[in-house]
Amino acid sequence: MFFFFFFFHYQHTIAALRVMLPHPLTHLSGFASLNKDYLAPQDTIHTIVKAGDNYHGIVEITFASPTASCPNDQMIITGTNGWLSVNYEETLDTSETFLRIVIKSVVKANGQPDEEKEEIIEVAERGVLTELTSFFDAISGKDDGLGLGDPLSALRDVAFIEAALNSNGQLVDLTKMLQD
């Protein structure tokens, strides 16, 4: 049961990257481990990933945090002119979950020092619901225009997880793996 939850949660992380990145994930090298016996068979994955020719980074997820609290930054994407983070937050009064997206960018003006700009977007958290609705629409023949629930893309997300779990540090060419 836990492994399914771990797998399901990780798949949504990969789906989010698929939607946010400008290119598909093409390569990975990673390690999976078990840090807490009661979370067997694996509770942590650390991967280095590549998307397109110039995009790379780290995707990691764990359910074995040594403390009740863990770092707040759920997802960070860094580019040449800034970064964005996506975090789950809770309202203090109602404990409702929402997403806080912080975008920090550098504005380059001719002959002027670079200026840092910040934008904060807060939206109701409904990603899984939206993704599942899109998926059920897609399998029933409806196109919602979002592409979030494309069954083939969901299978590619699962293939990423399988590759991360089995990589054992070896480079995996996701493009080649998905063609086989």
N, C-alpha and C. Protein backbone atom coordinates (compact mmCIF):
# COMPACT_ATOMS: atom_id res chain seq x y z
N MET A 1 0.82 -1.19 0.00
CA MET A 1 0.00 0.00 0.00
C MET A 1 0.86 1.26 0.00
N PHE A 2 1.86 1.29 0.90
CA PHE A 2 2.70 2.48 0.96
C PHE A 2 3.46 2.67 -0.34
N PHE A 3 3.99 1.57 -0.89
CA PHE A 3 4.76 1.69 -2.12
C PHE A 3 3.89 2.28 -3.22
N PHE A 4 2.61 1.88 -3.29
CA PHE A 4 1.71 2.46 -4.27
C PHE A 4 1.58 3.96 -4.06
N PHE A 5 1.42 4.39 -2.80
CA PHE A 5 1.30 5.82 -2.51
C PHE A 5 2.58 6.54 -2.94
N PHE A 6 3.73 5.96 -2.59
CA PHE A 6 5.02 6.53 -2.96
C PHE A 6 5.10 6.67 -4.47
N PHE A 7 4.74 5.60 -5.16
CA PHE A 7 4.78 5.55 -6.61
C PHE A 7 3.83 6.60 -7.20
N PHE A 8 2.61 6.67 -6.68
CA PHE A 8 1.58 7.59 -7.14
C PHE A 8 2.04 9.04 -6.95
N HIS A 9 2.59 9.34 -5.76
CA HIS A 9 3.06 10.69 -5.47
C HIS A 9 4.22 11.07 -6.40
N TYR A 10 5.14 10.16 -6.59
CA TYR A 10 6.29 10.44 -7.44
C TYR A 10 5.84 10.67 -8.88
N GLN A 11 4.84 9.91 -9.32
CA GLN A 11 4.34 10.08 -10.68
C GLN A 11 3.80 11.49 -10.88
N HIS A 12 3.15 12.06 -9.87
CA HIS A 12 2.62 13.41 -10.00
C HIS A 12 3.73 14.44 -10.06
N THR A 13 4.84 14.18 -9.37
CA THR A 13 6.00 15.07 -9.45
C THR A 13 6.53 15.09 -10.87
N ILE A 14 6.67 13.93 -11.47
CA ILE A 14 7.18 13.83 -12.84
C ILE A 14 6.18 14.45 -13.81
N ALA A 15 4.89 14.25 -13.59
CA ALA A 15 3.87 14.88 -14.45
C ALA A 15 3.97 16.39 -14.37
N ALA A 16 4.19 16.92 -13.18
CA ALA A 16 4.33 18.38 -13.03
C ALA A 16 5.54 18.87 -13.81
N LEU A 17 6.65 18.16 -13.71
CA LEU A 17 7.84 18.56 -14.49
C LEU A 17 7.56 18.49 -15.99
N ARG A 18 6.86 17.45 -16.39
CA ARG A 18 6.52 17.29 -17.81
C ARG A 18 5.76 18.50 -18.33
N VAL A 19 4.87 19.03 -17.50
CA VAL A 19 4.06 20.17 -17.91
C VAL A 19 4.85 21.48 -17.84
N MET A 20 5.72 21.62 -16.84
CA MET A 20 6.42 22.90 -16.63
C MET A 20 7.68 23.07 -17.47
N LEU A 21 8.38 21.99 -17.78
CA LEU A 21 9.63 22.13 -18.53
C LEU A 21 9.37 22.30 -20.02
N PRO A 22 10.25 23.03 -20.72
CA PRO A 22 10.03 23.27 -22.15
C PRO A 22 10.38 22.07 -23.03
N HIS A 23 11.07 21.07 -22.48
CA HIS A 23 11.45 19.88 -23.25
C HIS A 23 11.17 18.63 -22.41
N PRO A 24 10.94 17.49 -23.06
CA PRO A 24 10.71 16.26 -22.30
C PRO A 24 12.00 15.79 -21.62
N LEU A 25 11.83 15.06 -20.52
CA LEU A 25 12.97 14.46 -19.84
C LEU A 25 13.54 13.37 -20.74
N THR A 26 14.88 13.39 -20.95
CA THR A 26 15.49 12.46 -21.89
C THR A 26 16.44 11.46 -21.24
N HIS A 27 17.10 11.83 -20.13
CA HIS A 27 18.08 10.95 -19.49
C HIS A 27 17.97 11.07 -17.98
N LEU A 28 18.39 10.00 -17.30
CA LEU A 28 18.49 10.07 -15.85
C LEU A 28 19.55 9.10 -15.36
N SER A 29 20.04 9.39 -14.20
CA SER A 29 20.91 8.49 -13.45
C SER A 29 20.50 8.66 -12.00
N GLY A 30 20.24 7.56 -11.32
CA GLY A 30 19.74 7.72 -9.97
C GLY A 30 20.00 6.54 -9.07
N PHE A 31 19.61 6.74 -7.82
CA PHE A 31 19.70 5.71 -6.81
C PHE A 31 18.41 5.70 -6.02
N ALA A 32 17.97 4.52 -5.66
CA ALA A 32 16.81 4.35 -4.79
C ALA A 32 17.30 3.64 -3.53
N SER A 33 16.69 3.98 -2.41
CA SER A 33 17.14 3.37 -1.16
C SER A 33 15.98 3.20 -0.19
N LEU A 34 16.24 2.42 0.84
CA LEU A 34 15.31 2.22 1.93
C LEU A 34 15.99 2.75 3.18
N ASN A 35 15.40 3.74 3.79
CA ASN A 35 15.97 4.35 4.98
C ASN A 35 15.20 3.99 6.25
N LYS A 36 13.95 3.62 6.10
CA LYS A 36 13.13 3.21 7.25
C LYS A 36 12.47 1.89 6.88
N ASP A 37 12.77 0.85 7.65
CA ASP A 37 12.31 -0.50 7.32
C ASP A 37 10.81 -0.60 7.08
N TYR A 38 10.02 0.13 7.84
CA TYR A 38 8.58 0.00 7.70
C TYR A 38 8.05 0.62 6.41
N LEU A 39 8.91 1.24 5.62
CA LEU A 39 8.51 1.83 4.34
C LEU A 39 8.98 0.98 3.15
N ALA A 40 9.37 -0.26 3.40
CA ALA A 40 9.91 -1.14 2.36
C ALA A 40 8.94 -1.25 1.18
N PRO A 41 9.41 -1.41 -0.05
CA PRO A 41 10.78 -1.77 -0.37
C PRO A 41 11.73 -0.58 -0.58
N GLN A 42 11.23 0.58 -0.98
CA GLN A 42 12.07 1.76 -1.15
C GLN A 42 11.29 2.99 -0.73
N ASP A 43 11.98 3.94 -0.12
CA ASP A 43 11.29 5.15 0.34
C ASP A 43 11.95 6.43 -0.15
N THR A 44 13.04 6.31 -0.88
CA THR A 44 13.78 7.49 -1.32
C THR A 44 14.34 7.26 -2.71
N ILE A 45 14.21 8.27 -3.57
CA ILE A 45 14.83 8.23 -4.90
C ILE A 45 15.55 9.56 -5.11
N HIS A 46 16.80 9.49 -5.55
CA HIS A 46 17.58 10.66 -5.93
C HIS A 46 18.02 10.46 -7.37
N THR A 47 17.69 11.40 -8.24
CA THR A 47 18.05 11.28 -9.65
C THR A 47 18.59 12.59 -10.19
N ILE A 48 19.51 12.44 -11.10
CA ILE A 48 19.97 13.57 -11.91
C ILE A 48 19.30 13.39 -13.26
N VAL A 49 18.66 14.44 -13.76
CA VAL A 49 17.88 14.31 -14.99
C VAL A 49 18.31 15.34 -16.02
N LYS A 50 18.02 15.01 -17.26
CA LYS A 50 18.31 15.91 -18.38
C LYS A 50 17.05 16.03 -19.22
N ALA A 51 16.80 17.25 -19.70
CA ALA A 51 15.69 17.51 -20.61
C ALA A 51 16.23 18.39 -21.73
N GLY A 52 16.07 17.97 -22.96
CA GLY A 52 16.61 18.76 -24.07
C GLY A 52 18.13 18.81 -24.00
N ASP A 53 18.71 19.77 -24.69
CA ASP A 53 20.17 19.87 -24.74
C ASP A 53 20.77 20.64 -23.58
N ASN A 54 20.04 21.60 -23.02
CA ASN A 54 20.64 22.49 -22.03
C ASN A 54 19.98 22.47 -20.66
N TYR A 55 19.05 21.55 -20.42
CA TYR A 55 18.33 21.54 -19.16
C TYR A 55 18.70 20.30 -18.36
N HIS A 56 19.05 20.50 -17.12
CA HIS A 56 19.37 19.37 -16.24
C HIS A 56 19.16 19.79 -14.80
N GLY A 57 18.99 18.81 -13.95
CA GLY A 57 18.76 19.12 -12.54
C GLY A 57 18.60 17.87 -11.72
N ILE A 58 18.12 18.05 -10.51
CA ILE A 58 17.97 16.96 -9.56
C ILE A 58 16.50 16.78 -9.24
N VAL A 59 16.05 15.55 -9.30
CA VAL A 59 14.70 15.21 -8.85
C VAL A 59 14.89 14.23 -7.70
N GLU A 60 14.37 14.60 -6.56
CA GLU A 60 14.48 13.70 -5.42
C GLU A 60 13.19 13.72 -4.63
N ILE A 61 12.90 12.58 -4.06
CA ILE A 61 11.70 12.47 -3.24
C ILE A 61 11.99 11.45 -2.16
N THR A 62 11.52 11.75 -0.96
CA THR A 62 11.67 10.80 0.13
C THR A 62 10.46 10.86 1.05
N PHE A 63 10.14 9.73 1.59
CA PHE A 63 9.12 9.65 2.63
C PHE A 63 9.79 9.25 3.94
N ALA A 64 11.12 9.35 3.99
CA ALA A 64 11.88 8.92 5.15
C ALA A 64 12.59 10.09 5.81
N SER A 65 11.97 11.23 5.89
CA SER A 65 12.58 12.38 6.54
C SER A 65 12.89 12.03 7.99
N PRO A 66 14.07 12.38 8.47
CA PRO A 66 14.42 12.04 9.84
C PRO A 66 13.69 12.90 10.88
N THR A 67 13.03 13.95 10.44
CA THR A 67 12.29 14.83 11.34
C THR A 67 10.85 14.96 10.86
N ALA A 68 9.97 15.39 11.73
CA ALA A 68 8.57 15.59 11.34
C ALA A 68 8.45 16.68 10.28
N SER A 69 9.30 17.68 10.37
CA SER A 69 9.29 18.74 9.37
C SER A 69 10.33 18.41 8.30
N CYS A 70 10.12 18.97 7.12
CA CYS A 70 11.10 18.80 6.05
C CYS A 70 11.18 20.10 5.28
N PRO A 71 12.19 20.25 4.41
CA PRO A 71 12.32 21.51 3.69
C PRO A 71 11.03 21.87 2.95
N ASN A 72 10.75 23.15 2.91
CA ASN A 72 9.52 23.64 2.34
C ASN A 72 9.49 23.63 0.82
N ASP A 73 10.63 23.80 0.19
CA ASP A 73 10.65 23.91 -1.27
C ASP A 73 10.37 22.55 -1.90
N GLN A 74 9.17 22.39 -2.39
CA GLN A 74 8.76 21.13 -2.99
C GLN A 74 9.34 20.97 -4.40
N MET A 75 9.38 22.05 -5.16
CA MET A 75 9.90 21.99 -6.51
C MET A 75 10.54 23.33 -6.86
N ILE A 76 11.76 23.28 -7.35
CA ILE A 76 12.46 24.49 -7.78
C ILE A 76 12.98 24.24 -9.19
N ILE A 77 12.70 25.17 -10.08
CA ILE A 77 13.24 25.12 -11.44
C ILE A 77 14.05 26.38 -11.63
N THR A 78 15.33 26.20 -11.95
CA THR A 78 16.24 27.32 -12.11
C THR A 78 16.60 27.48 -13.58
N GLY A 79 16.56 28.71 -14.06
CA GLY A 79 16.92 29.00 -15.44
C GLY A 79 18.03 30.03 -15.50
N THR A 80 18.35 30.50 -16.67
CA THR A 80 19.45 31.45 -16.84
C THR A 80 19.08 32.84 -16.35
N ASN A 81 17.80 33.16 -16.29
CA ASN A 81 17.38 34.50 -15.86
C ASN A 81 16.52 34.49 -14.61
N GLY A 82 16.57 33.39 -13.85
CA GLY A 82 15.80 33.35 -12.62
C GLY A 82 15.41 31.94 -12.22
N TRP A 83 14.47 31.87 -11.30
CA TRP A 83 13.99 30.57 -10.82
C TRP A 83 12.55 30.69 -10.38
N LEU A 84 11.91 29.53 -10.24
CA LEU A 84 10.58 29.50 -9.67
C LEU A 84 10.51 28.34 -8.69
N SER A 85 9.71 28.52 -7.66
CA SER A 85 9.48 27.43 -6.72
C SER A 85 7.98 27.22 -6.59
N VAL A 86 7.62 25.97 -6.36
CA VAL A 86 6.23 25.60 -6.17
C VAL A 86 6.16 24.87 -4.83
N ASN A 87 5.38 25.41 -3.90
CA ASN A 87 5.28 24.85 -2.56
C ASN A 87 3.84 24.67 -2.15
N TYR A 88 3.59 23.59 -1.44
CA TYR A 88 2.29 23.39 -0.80
C TYR A 88 2.31 24.16 0.51
N GLU A 89 1.27 24.93 0.74
CA GLU A 89 1.14 25.71 1.98
C GLU A 89 -0.25 25.46 2.55
N GLU A 90 -0.41 25.78 3.83
CA GLU A 90 -1.72 25.67 4.48
C GLU A 90 -2.10 27.01 5.07
N THR A 91 -3.38 27.36 4.95
CA THR A 91 -3.86 28.56 5.61
C THR A 91 -3.88 28.30 7.12
N LEU A 92 -3.58 29.31 7.90
CA LEU A 92 -3.54 29.14 9.35
C LEU A 92 -4.92 28.95 9.95
N ASP A 93 -5.91 29.63 9.40
CA ASP A 93 -7.23 29.59 10.01
C ASP A 93 -8.07 28.37 9.63
N THR A 94 -7.93 27.87 8.40
CA THR A 94 -8.77 26.76 7.96
C THR A 94 -7.99 25.49 7.61
N SER A 95 -6.66 25.57 7.61
CA SER A 95 -5.80 24.44 7.24
C SER A 95 -6.06 23.93 5.83
N GLU A 96 -6.60 24.79 4.95
CA GLU A 96 -6.79 24.42 3.56
C GLU A 96 -5.45 24.53 2.83
N THR A 97 -5.21 23.61 1.92
CA THR A 97 -3.96 23.58 1.19
C THR A 97 -4.05 24.44 -0.07
N PHE A 98 -2.98 25.17 -0.35
CA PHE A 98 -2.89 25.93 -1.58
C PHE A 98 -1.46 25.87 -2.09
N LEU A 99 -1.26 26.25 -3.33
CA LEU A 99 0.07 26.30 -3.92
C LEU A 99 0.57 27.73 -3.92
N ARG A 100 1.78 27.91 -3.48
CA ARG A 100 2.44 29.21 -3.58
C ARG A 100 3.56 29.05 -4.61
N ILE A 101 3.45 29.83 -5.66
CA ILE A 101 4.46 29.83 -6.73
C ILE A 101 5.20 31.15 -6.62
N VAL A 102 6.51 31.06 -6.43
CA VAL A 102 7.36 32.25 -6.34
C VAL A 102 8.24 32.26 -7.58
N ILE A 103 8.20 33.37 -8.29
CA ILE A 103 9.02 33.53 -9.49
C ILE A 103 9.98 34.68 -9.24
N LYS A 104 11.27 34.39 -9.26
CA LYS A 104 12.31 35.42 -9.14
C LYS A 104 13.02 35.50 -10.48
N SER A 105 13.09 36.68 -11.03
CA SER A 105 13.74 36.83 -12.33
C SER A 105 14.60 38.08 -12.35
N VAL A 106 15.53 38.07 -13.26
CA VAL A 106 16.42 39.20 -13.45
C VAL A 106 15.93 39.99 -14.65
N VAL A 107 15.70 41.27 -14.45
CA VAL A 107 15.30 42.15 -15.53
C VAL A 107 16.55 42.88 -15.98
N LYS A 108 16.89 42.72 -17.25
CA LYS A 108 18.10 43.33 -17.78
C LYS A 108 17.73 44.58 -18.57
N ALA A 109 18.24 45.70 -18.09
CA ALA A 109 17.98 46.97 -18.76
C ALA A 109 19.28 47.43 -19.44
N ASN A 110 19.14 48.05 -20.58
CA ASN A 110 20.32 48.51 -21.32
C ASN A 110 21.17 49.45 -20.48
N GLY A 111 22.39 49.04 -20.20
CA GLY A 111 23.33 49.88 -19.48
C GLY A 111 23.07 50.05 -18.00
N GLN A 112 22.02 49.44 -17.48
CA GLN A 112 21.67 49.55 -16.07
C GLN A 112 22.02 48.25 -15.36
N PRO A 113 22.26 48.33 -14.05
CA PRO A 113 22.48 47.10 -13.30
C PRO A 113 21.24 46.22 -13.35
N ASP A 114 21.46 44.90 -13.32
CA ASP A 114 20.33 43.98 -13.34
C ASP A 114 19.45 44.19 -12.11
N GLU A 115 18.16 44.11 -12.33
CA GLU A 115 17.19 44.29 -11.25
C GLU A 115 16.47 42.96 -11.02
N GLU A 116 16.33 42.57 -9.76
CA GLU A 116 15.63 41.34 -9.43
C GLU A 116 14.15 41.64 -9.24
N LYS A 117 13.32 40.82 -9.87
CA LYS A 117 11.87 40.99 -9.80
C LYS A 117 11.28 39.74 -9.14
N GLU A 118 10.28 39.93 -8.29
CA GLU A 118 9.62 38.80 -7.64
C GLU A 118 8.13 38.86 -7.90
N GLU A 119 7.58 37.69 -8.22
CA GLU A 119 6.14 37.57 -8.40
C GLU A 119 5.68 36.38 -7.57
N ILE A 120 4.62 36.53 -6.81
CA ILE A 120 4.08 35.45 -6.00
C ILE A 120 2.65 35.18 -6.44
N ILE A 121 2.39 33.92 -6.75
CA ILE A 121 1.07 33.50 -7.19
C ILE A 121 0.59 32.45 -6.19
N GLU A 122 -0.61 32.63 -5.68
CA GLU A 122 -1.20 31.64 -4.78
C GLU A 122 -2.50 31.16 -5.40
N VAL A 123 -2.60 29.84 -5.54
CA VAL A 123 -3.79 29.24 -6.14
C VAL A 123 -4.24 28.05 -5.30
N ALA A 124 -5.51 27.75 -5.35
CA ALA A 124 -6.03 26.58 -4.65
C ALA A 124 -5.36 25.33 -5.19
N GLU A 125 -4.98 24.43 -4.31
CA GLU A 125 -4.33 23.19 -4.71
C GLU A 125 -5.38 22.23 -5.22
N ARG A 126 -5.31 21.92 -6.50
CA ARG A 126 -6.25 20.99 -7.10
C ARG A 126 -5.59 20.23 -8.24
N GLY A 127 -4.27 20.11 -8.19
CA GLY A 127 -3.51 19.49 -9.26
C GLY A 127 -3.89 18.06 -9.54
N VAL A 128 -3.97 17.22 -8.49
CA VAL A 128 -4.30 15.82 -8.70
C VAL A 128 -5.72 15.69 -9.26
N LEU A 129 -6.64 16.44 -8.72
CA LEU A 129 -8.02 16.41 -9.22
C LEU A 129 -8.07 16.82 -10.69
N THR A 130 -7.36 17.89 -11.04
CA THR A 130 -7.34 18.35 -12.42
C THR A 130 -6.69 17.31 -13.33
N GLU A 131 -5.60 16.71 -12.85
CA GLU A 131 -4.91 15.70 -13.65
C GLU A 131 -5.79 14.47 -13.86
N LEU A 132 -6.44 14.00 -12.81
CA LEU A 132 -7.32 12.83 -12.95
C LEU A 132 -8.52 13.13 -13.84
N THR A 133 -9.10 14.30 -13.70
CA THR A 133 -10.23 14.69 -14.56
C THR A 133 -9.79 14.71 -16.02
N SER A 134 -8.61 15.27 -16.27
CA SER A 134 -8.08 15.31 -17.63
C SER A 134 -7.83 13.90 -18.16
N PHE A 135 -7.32 13.01 -17.29
CA PHE A 135 -7.07 11.62 -17.68
C PHE A 135 -8.38 10.92 -18.06
N PHE A 136 -9.40 11.05 -17.18
CA PHE A 136 -10.68 10.39 -17.46
C PHE A 136 -11.35 10.97 -18.70
N ASP A 137 -11.18 12.27 -18.93
CA ASP A 137 -11.69 12.87 -20.16
C ASP A 137 -10.97 12.26 -21.37
N ALA A 138 -9.65 12.12 -21.27
CA ALA A 138 -8.85 11.60 -22.39
C ALA A 138 -9.25 10.16 -22.73
N ILE A 139 -9.42 9.32 -21.72
CA ILE A 139 -9.76 7.92 -22.02
C ILE A 139 -11.20 7.76 -22.49
N SER A 140 -12.03 8.77 -22.26
CA SER A 140 -13.40 8.71 -22.78
C SER A 140 -13.52 9.46 -24.11
N GLY A 141 -12.37 9.89 -24.67
CA GLY A 141 -12.38 10.49 -26.00
C GLY A 141 -12.54 11.99 -26.03
N LYS A 142 -12.55 12.65 -24.87
CA LYS A 142 -12.68 14.11 -24.83
C LYS A 142 -11.30 14.75 -24.69
N ASP A 143 -11.09 15.83 -25.40
CA ASP A 143 -9.84 16.57 -25.29
C ASP A 143 -10.12 17.87 -24.55
N ASP A 144 -9.59 17.99 -23.33
CA ASP A 144 -9.82 19.19 -22.54
C ASP A 144 -8.84 20.31 -22.88
N GLY A 145 -7.89 20.02 -23.78
CA GLY A 145 -6.92 21.03 -24.20
C GLY A 145 -5.76 21.20 -23.24
N LEU A 146 -5.82 20.56 -22.08
CA LEU A 146 -4.74 20.70 -21.10
C LEU A 146 -3.62 19.69 -21.33
N GLY A 147 -3.95 18.51 -21.79
CA GLY A 147 -2.95 17.49 -22.02
C GLY A 147 -2.38 16.88 -20.75
N LEU A 148 -2.96 17.22 -19.62
CA LEU A 148 -2.43 16.71 -18.35
C LEU A 148 -2.69 15.23 -18.16
N GLY A 149 -3.79 14.75 -18.68
CA GLY A 149 -4.19 13.38 -18.46
C GLY A 149 -3.94 12.46 -19.63
N ASP A 150 -3.09 12.85 -20.54
CA ASP A 150 -2.79 12.01 -21.70
C ASP A 150 -2.27 10.66 -21.22
N PRO A 151 -2.96 9.56 -21.54
CA PRO A 151 -2.54 8.25 -21.05
C PRO A 151 -1.11 7.88 -21.45
N LEU A 152 -0.68 8.19 -22.66
CA LEU A 152 0.68 7.87 -23.08
C LEU A 152 1.70 8.65 -22.25
N SER A 153 1.41 9.92 -21.98
CA SER A 153 2.30 10.72 -21.13
C SER A 153 2.36 10.16 -19.72
N ALA A 154 1.22 9.69 -19.21
CA ALA A 154 1.20 9.07 -17.87
C ALA A 154 2.07 7.82 -17.85
N LEU A 155 2.04 7.04 -18.92
CA LEU A 155 2.90 5.85 -19.00
C LEU A 155 4.38 6.26 -19.05
N ARG A 156 4.68 7.35 -19.73
CA ARG A 156 6.06 7.85 -19.75
C ARG A 156 6.50 8.29 -18.34
N ASP A 157 5.58 8.88 -17.58
CA ASP A 157 5.90 9.25 -16.19
C ASP A 157 6.23 8.01 -15.37
N VAL A 158 5.44 6.95 -15.57
CA VAL A 158 5.69 5.69 -14.87
C VAL A 158 7.03 5.09 -15.30
N ALA A 159 7.36 5.20 -16.59
CA ALA A 159 8.64 4.70 -17.08
C ALA A 159 9.80 5.45 -16.42
N PHE A 160 9.63 6.75 -16.20
CA PHE A 160 10.66 7.52 -15.50
C PHE A 160 10.88 6.94 -14.10
N ILE A 161 9.79 6.66 -13.39
CA ILE A 161 9.90 6.13 -12.03
C ILE A 161 10.59 4.77 -12.05
N GLU A 162 10.19 3.92 -12.98
CA GLU A 162 10.82 2.60 -13.09
C GLU A 162 12.32 2.75 -13.34
N ALA A 163 12.68 3.64 -14.23
CA ALA A 163 14.10 3.86 -14.54
C ALA A 163 14.84 4.38 -13.32
N ALA A 164 14.23 5.31 -12.57
CA ALA A 164 14.88 5.86 -11.37
C ALA A 164 15.06 4.80 -10.31
N LEU A 165 14.07 3.92 -10.16
CA LEU A 165 14.17 2.85 -9.16
C LEU A 165 15.23 1.83 -9.52
N ASN A 166 15.47 1.61 -10.82
CA ASN A 166 16.37 0.55 -11.26
C ASN A 166 17.70 1.02 -11.81
N SER A 167 17.92 2.31 -11.89
CA SER A 167 19.14 2.86 -12.50
C SER A 167 20.41 2.41 -11.80
N ASN A 168 20.40 2.41 -10.49
CA ASN A 168 21.58 2.06 -9.70
C ASN A 168 22.82 2.82 -10.17
N GLY A 169 22.62 4.09 -10.51
CA GLY A 169 23.73 4.95 -10.90
C GLY A 169 24.07 4.93 -12.38
N GLN A 170 23.50 4.02 -13.12
CA GLN A 170 23.78 3.93 -14.56
C GLN A 170 22.93 4.96 -15.32
N LEU A 171 23.48 5.48 -16.40
CA LEU A 171 22.74 6.41 -17.24
C LEU A 171 21.64 5.66 -17.97
N VAL A 172 20.42 6.20 -17.92
CA VAL A 172 19.29 5.62 -18.64
C VAL A 172 18.84 6.63 -19.68
N ASP A 173 18.81 6.20 -20.93
CA ASP A 173 18.32 7.02 -22.03
C ASP A 173 16.81 6.79 -22.11
N LEU A 174 16.04 7.73 -21.57
CA LEU A 174 14.59 7.57 -21.52
C LEU A 174 13.97 7.53 -22.91
N THR A 175 14.52 8.30 -23.83
CA THR A 175 14.00 8.34 -25.18
C THR A 175 14.12 6.96 -25.82
N LYS A 176 15.29 6.34 -25.68
CA LYS A 176 15.50 4.99 -26.23
C LYS A 176 14.64 3.97 -25.50
N MET A 177 14.56 4.09 -24.18
CA MET A 177 13.77 3.15 -23.39
C MET A 177 12.31 3.20 -23.81
N LEU A 178 11.79 4.37 -24.10
CA LEU A 178 10.39 4.51 -24.46
C LEU A 178 10.10 4.06 -25.88
N GLN A 179 11.14 3.96 -26.71
CA GLN A 179 10.96 3.47 -28.08
C GLN A 179 10.91 1.96 -28.13
N ASP A 180 11.54 1.30 -27.16
CA ASP A 180 11.61 -0.18 -27.16
C ASP A 180 10.29 -0.81 -26.84
